[in-house]
């Protein structure tokens, strides 16, 4: 079970990393339409440094990707690896 959870977390990390840049770009284009600066969103209203804000946003995307991975992971399969040759 621990091996399956670690594989699921790895899959979620890959999905979060691949989705991070396009989501951030879309957010940077849409947020100014509402009169909010992107820097304020990135730093949670100036509550933290922008580097910590980037990490916090990645963690939020990672949590969403974990939920996605939990639904997409093949839990019913007995083998969590590439199928062997027959």
Protein backbone atom coordinates (compact mmCIF):
# COMPACT_ATOMS: atom_id res chain seq x y z
CA UNK A 1 0.00 0.00 0.00
CA UNK A 2 2.87 2.37 0.77
CA UNK A 3 4.39 1.72 -2.65
CA UNK A 4 1.07 2.56 -4.29
CA UNK A 5 0.75 5.79 -2.31
CA UNK A 6 4.29 6.84 -3.21
CA UNK A 7 3.61 6.16 -6.90
CA UNK A 8 0.40 8.17 -6.66
CA UNK A 9 2.26 11.06 -5.00
CA UNK A 10 4.90 10.95 -7.73
CA UNK A 11 2.21 11.03 -10.40
CA UNK A 12 0.58 13.98 -8.62
CA UNK A 13 3.90 15.84 -8.45
CA UNK A 14 4.43 15.39 -12.18
CA UNK A 15 0.89 16.56 -12.96
CA UNK A 16 1.24 19.55 -10.63
CA UNK A 17 4.56 20.57 -12.14
CA UNK A 18 3.25 20.28 -15.70
CA UNK A 19 0.07 22.22 -14.88
CA UNK A 20 1.79 24.90 -12.79
CA UNK A 21 3.12 27.16 -15.56
CA UNK A 22 -0.01 27.21 -17.77
CA UNK A 23 -2.28 27.80 -14.76
CA UNK A 24 -0.03 30.60 -13.53
CA UNK A 25 0.01 32.18 -16.98
CA UNK A 26 -3.77 32.01 -17.21
CA UNK A 27 -4.06 33.48 -13.72
CA UNK A 28 -1.65 36.29 -14.63
CA UNK A 29 -3.78 37.18 -17.65
CA UNK A 30 -7.19 36.97 -15.94
CA UNK A 31 -6.53 38.49 -12.49
CA UNK A 32 -5.79 42.05 -13.76
CA UNK A 33 -9.24 42.11 -15.38
CA UNK A 34 -10.68 42.21 -11.86
CA UNK A 35 -8.37 45.02 -10.72
CA UNK A 36 -6.13 42.80 -8.60
CA UNK A 37 -2.38 42.73 -9.10
CA UNK A 38 -0.79 39.39 -9.88
CA UNK A 39 1.91 40.06 -7.29
CA UNK A 40 -0.77 40.43 -4.58
CA UNK A 41 -2.26 37.07 -5.56
CA UNK A 42 1.17 35.46 -5.76
CA UNK A 43 2.17 36.65 -2.28
CA UNK A 44 -1.30 36.16 -0.73
CA UNK A 45 -1.79 39.89 -0.27
CA UNK A 46 1.82 40.53 0.74
CA UNK A 47 1.71 38.05 3.61
CA UNK A 48 4.78 36.18 2.38
CA UNK A 49 7.80 36.51 0.13
CA UNK A 50 7.13 35.78 -3.54
CA UNK A 51 9.35 32.65 -3.43
CA UNK A 52 7.26 31.22 -0.60
CA UNK A 53 4.16 32.27 -2.52
CA UNK A 54 5.33 30.26 -5.54
CA UNK A 55 5.88 27.25 -3.30
CA UNK A 56 2.50 27.69 -1.62
CA UNK A 57 0.74 27.90 -4.99
CA UNK A 58 2.59 24.77 -6.17
CA UNK A 59 1.46 22.97 -3.01
CA UNK A 60 -2.14 23.99 -3.68
CA UNK A 61 -1.87 22.65 -7.23
CA UNK A 62 -0.21 19.50 -5.81
CA UNK A 63 -3.15 18.91 -3.45
CA UNK A 64 -5.57 19.21 -6.38
CA UNK A 65 -3.37 16.87 -8.42
CA UNK A 66 -3.36 14.36 -5.53
CA UNK A 67 -7.15 14.26 -5.63
CA UNK A 68 -7.00 13.79 -9.41
CA UNK A 69 -4.36 11.08 -9.08
CA UNK A 70 -6.36 9.30 -6.41
CA UNK A 71 -9.27 8.95 -8.80
CA UNK A 72 -7.15 8.02 -11.83
CA UNK A 73 -4.77 5.59 -10.09
CA UNK A 74 -5.45 1.90 -10.90
CA UNK A 75 -6.22 0.79 -7.33
CA UNK A 76 -7.88 -2.46 -8.37
CA UNK A 77 -4.81 -3.72 -10.25
CA UNK A 78 -2.53 -6.03 -8.30
CA UNK A 79 0.58 -4.84 -10.11
CA UNK A 80 1.47 -1.14 -10.18
CA UNK A 81 4.13 -1.35 -12.88
CA UNK A 82 4.43 -1.70 -16.62
CA UNK A 83 2.88 -4.93 -17.79
CA UNK A 84 5.40 -7.67 -18.43
CA UNK A 85 5.99 -9.36 -21.75
CA UNK A 86 4.05 -12.51 -22.46
